[in-house]
Amino acid sequence: MPLYTYYLIFFLIMLFGAVATLMIGHSKKNKEGNPNYDKQTKSIFRGLSLYYIIAIGLGFLALVVYIIAIS
């Protein structure tokens, strides 16, 4: 696959993430707040940490696949 295809895929994922983040930030539900948020911080951080571990792992896997593909 040509290199520009990888750039396009990366750009589309980044654009999707930025748009989704802005939509969530400006949503009515987000502006109203959640009074139980502070009570649930342990489970929130556990879920967020798991998300980051999976994302970093997939990123490294993609890097390895890319390095093997260009070799």
C-alpha atoms as a PDB file:
ATOM      1  CA  MET A   1       0.000   0.000   0.000  1.00  0.00           C
ATOM      2  CA  PRO A   2       1.356   3.466  -0.813  1.00  0.00           C
ATOM      3  CA  LEU A   3       2.485   5.666   2.048  1.00  0.00           C
ATOM      4  CA  TYR A   4      -0.120   8.355   1.365  1.00  0.00           C
ATOM      5  CA  THR A   5      -2.823   5.777   2.108  1.00  0.00           C
ATOM      6  CA  TYR A   6      -1.489   5.411   5.652  1.00  0.00           C
ATOM      7  CA  TYR A   7      -1.416   9.188   6.018  1.00  0.00           C
ATOM      8  CA  LEU A   8      -5.020   9.393   4.848  1.00  0.00           C
ATOM      9  CA  ILE A   9      -6.152   6.701   7.294  1.00  0.00           C
ATOM     10  CA  PHE A  10      -4.287   8.405  10.133  1.00  0.00           C
ATOM     11  CA  PHE A  11      -5.771  11.800   9.234  1.00  0.00           C
ATOM     12  CA  LEU A  12      -9.324  10.406   9.078  1.00  0.00           C
ATOM     13  CA  ILE A  13      -8.974   8.740  12.496  1.00  0.00           C
ATOM     14  CA  MET A  14      -7.540  11.941  13.962  1.00  0.00           C
ATOM     15  CA  LEU A  15     -10.329  14.033  12.401  1.00  0.00           C
ATOM     16  CA  PHE A  16     -13.001  11.661  13.719  1.00  0.00           C
ATOM     17  CA  GLY A  17     -11.530  11.859  17.224  1.00  0.00           C
ATOM     18  CA  ALA A  18     -11.380  15.647  17.158  1.00  0.00           C
ATOM     19  CA  VAL A  19     -14.972  16.006  15.911  1.00  0.00           C
ATOM     20  CA  ALA A  20     -16.279  13.478  18.437  1.00  0.00           C
ATOM     21  CA  THR A  21     -14.450  15.242  21.277  1.00  0.00           C
ATOM     22  CA  LEU A  22     -15.898  18.614  20.298  1.00  0.00           C
ATOM     23  CA  MET A  23     -19.412  17.180  19.979  1.00  0.00           C
ATOM     24  CA  ILE A  24     -19.214  15.626  23.430  1.00  0.00           C
ATOM     25  CA  GLY A  25     -17.766  18.793  24.934  1.00  0.00           C
ATOM     26  CA  HIS A  26     -20.558  20.935  23.572  1.00  0.00           C
ATOM     27  CA  SER A  27     -23.429  18.530  24.257  1.00  0.00           C
ATOM     28  CA  LYS A  28     -26.268  19.608  26.534  1.00  0.00           C
ATOM     29  CA  LYS A  29     -25.833  16.585  28.778  1.00  0.00           C
ATOM     30  CA  ASN A  30     -22.157  17.372  29.300  1.00  0.00           C
ATOM     31  CA  LYS A  31     -22.885  21.002  30.175  1.00  0.00           C
ATOM     32  CA  GLU A  32     -25.463  19.987  32.788  1.00  0.00           C
ATOM     33  CA  GLY A  33     -22.886  17.859  34.560  1.00  0.00           C
ATOM     34  CA  ASN A  34     -23.134  14.679  36.545  1.00  0.00           C
ATOM     35  CA  PRO A  35     -23.351  14.908  40.354  1.00  0.00           C
ATOM     36  CA  ASN A  36     -22.247  11.272  40.706  1.00  0.00           C
ATOM     37  CA  TYR A  37     -19.050  11.860  38.710  1.00  0.00           C
ATOM     38  CA  ASP A  38     -16.875  12.466  41.774  1.00  0.00           C
ATOM     39  CA  LYS A  39     -18.254   9.348  43.451  1.00  0.00           C
ATOM     40  CA  GLN A  40     -17.317   7.162  40.473  1.00  0.00           C
ATOM     41  CA  THR A  41     -13.739   8.302  39.891  1.00  0.00           C
ATOM     42  CA  LYS A  42     -12.207   4.898  40.640  1.00  0.00           C
ATOM     43  CA  SER A  43     -14.216   3.110  37.969  1.00  0.00           C
ATOM     44  CA  ILE A  44     -13.797   6.019  35.550  1.00  0.00           C
ATOM     45  CA  PHE A  45      -9.996   5.948  35.855  1.00  0.00           C
ATOM     46  CA  ARG A  46      -9.931   2.157  35.627  1.00  0.00           C
ATOM     47  CA  GLY A  47     -11.876   2.246  32.358  1.00  0.00           C
ATOM     48  CA  LEU A  48      -9.796   5.098  30.985  1.00  0.00           C
ATOM     49  CA  SER A  49      -6.549   3.325  31.891  1.00  0.00           C
ATOM     50  CA  LEU A  50      -7.743   0.153  30.181  1.00  0.00           C
ATOM     51  CA  TYR A  51      -8.622   2.173  27.085  1.00  0.00           C
ATOM     52  CA  TYR A  52      -5.146   3.732  26.969  1.00  0.00           C
ATOM     53  CA  ILE A  53      -3.408   0.378  27.500  1.00  0.00           C
ATOM     54  CA  ILE A  54      -5.353  -1.133  24.598  1.00  0.00           C
ATOM     55  CA  ALA A  55      -4.763   1.903  22.360  1.00  0.00           C
ATOM     56  CA  ILE A  56      -1.018   1.939  23.047  1.00  0.00           C
ATOM     57  CA  GLY A  57      -0.800  -1.807  22.460  1.00  0.00           C
ATOM     58  CA  LEU A  58      -2.603  -1.510  19.126  1.00  0.00           C
ATOM     59  CA  GLY A  59      -0.362   1.401  18.186  1.00  0.00           C
ATOM     60  CA  PHE A  60       2.763  -0.663  18.817  1.00  0.00           C
ATOM     61  CA  LEU A  61       1.254  -3.564  16.888  1.00  0.00           C
ATOM     62  CA  ALA A  62       0.564  -1.245  13.935  1.00  0.00           C
ATOM     63  CA  LEU A  63       4.151   0.020  14.106  1.00  0.00           C
ATOM     64  CA  VAL A  64       5.528  -3.531  14.042  1.00  0.00           C
ATOM     65  CA  VAL A  65       3.290  -4.455  11.098  1.00  0.00           C
ATOM     66  CA  TYR A  66       4.415  -1.325   9.267  1.00  0.00           C
ATOM     67  CA  ILE A  67       8.108  -2.006   9.901  1.00  0.00           C
ATOM     68  CA  ILE A  68       7.744  -5.604   8.745  1.00  0.00           C
ATOM     69  CA  ALA A  69       5.797  -4.510   5.655  1.00  0.00           C
ATOM     70  CA  ILE A  70       8.480  -2.061   4.496  1.00  0.00           C
ATOM     71  CA  SER A  71      11.328  -4.510   5.111  1.00  0.00           C
END
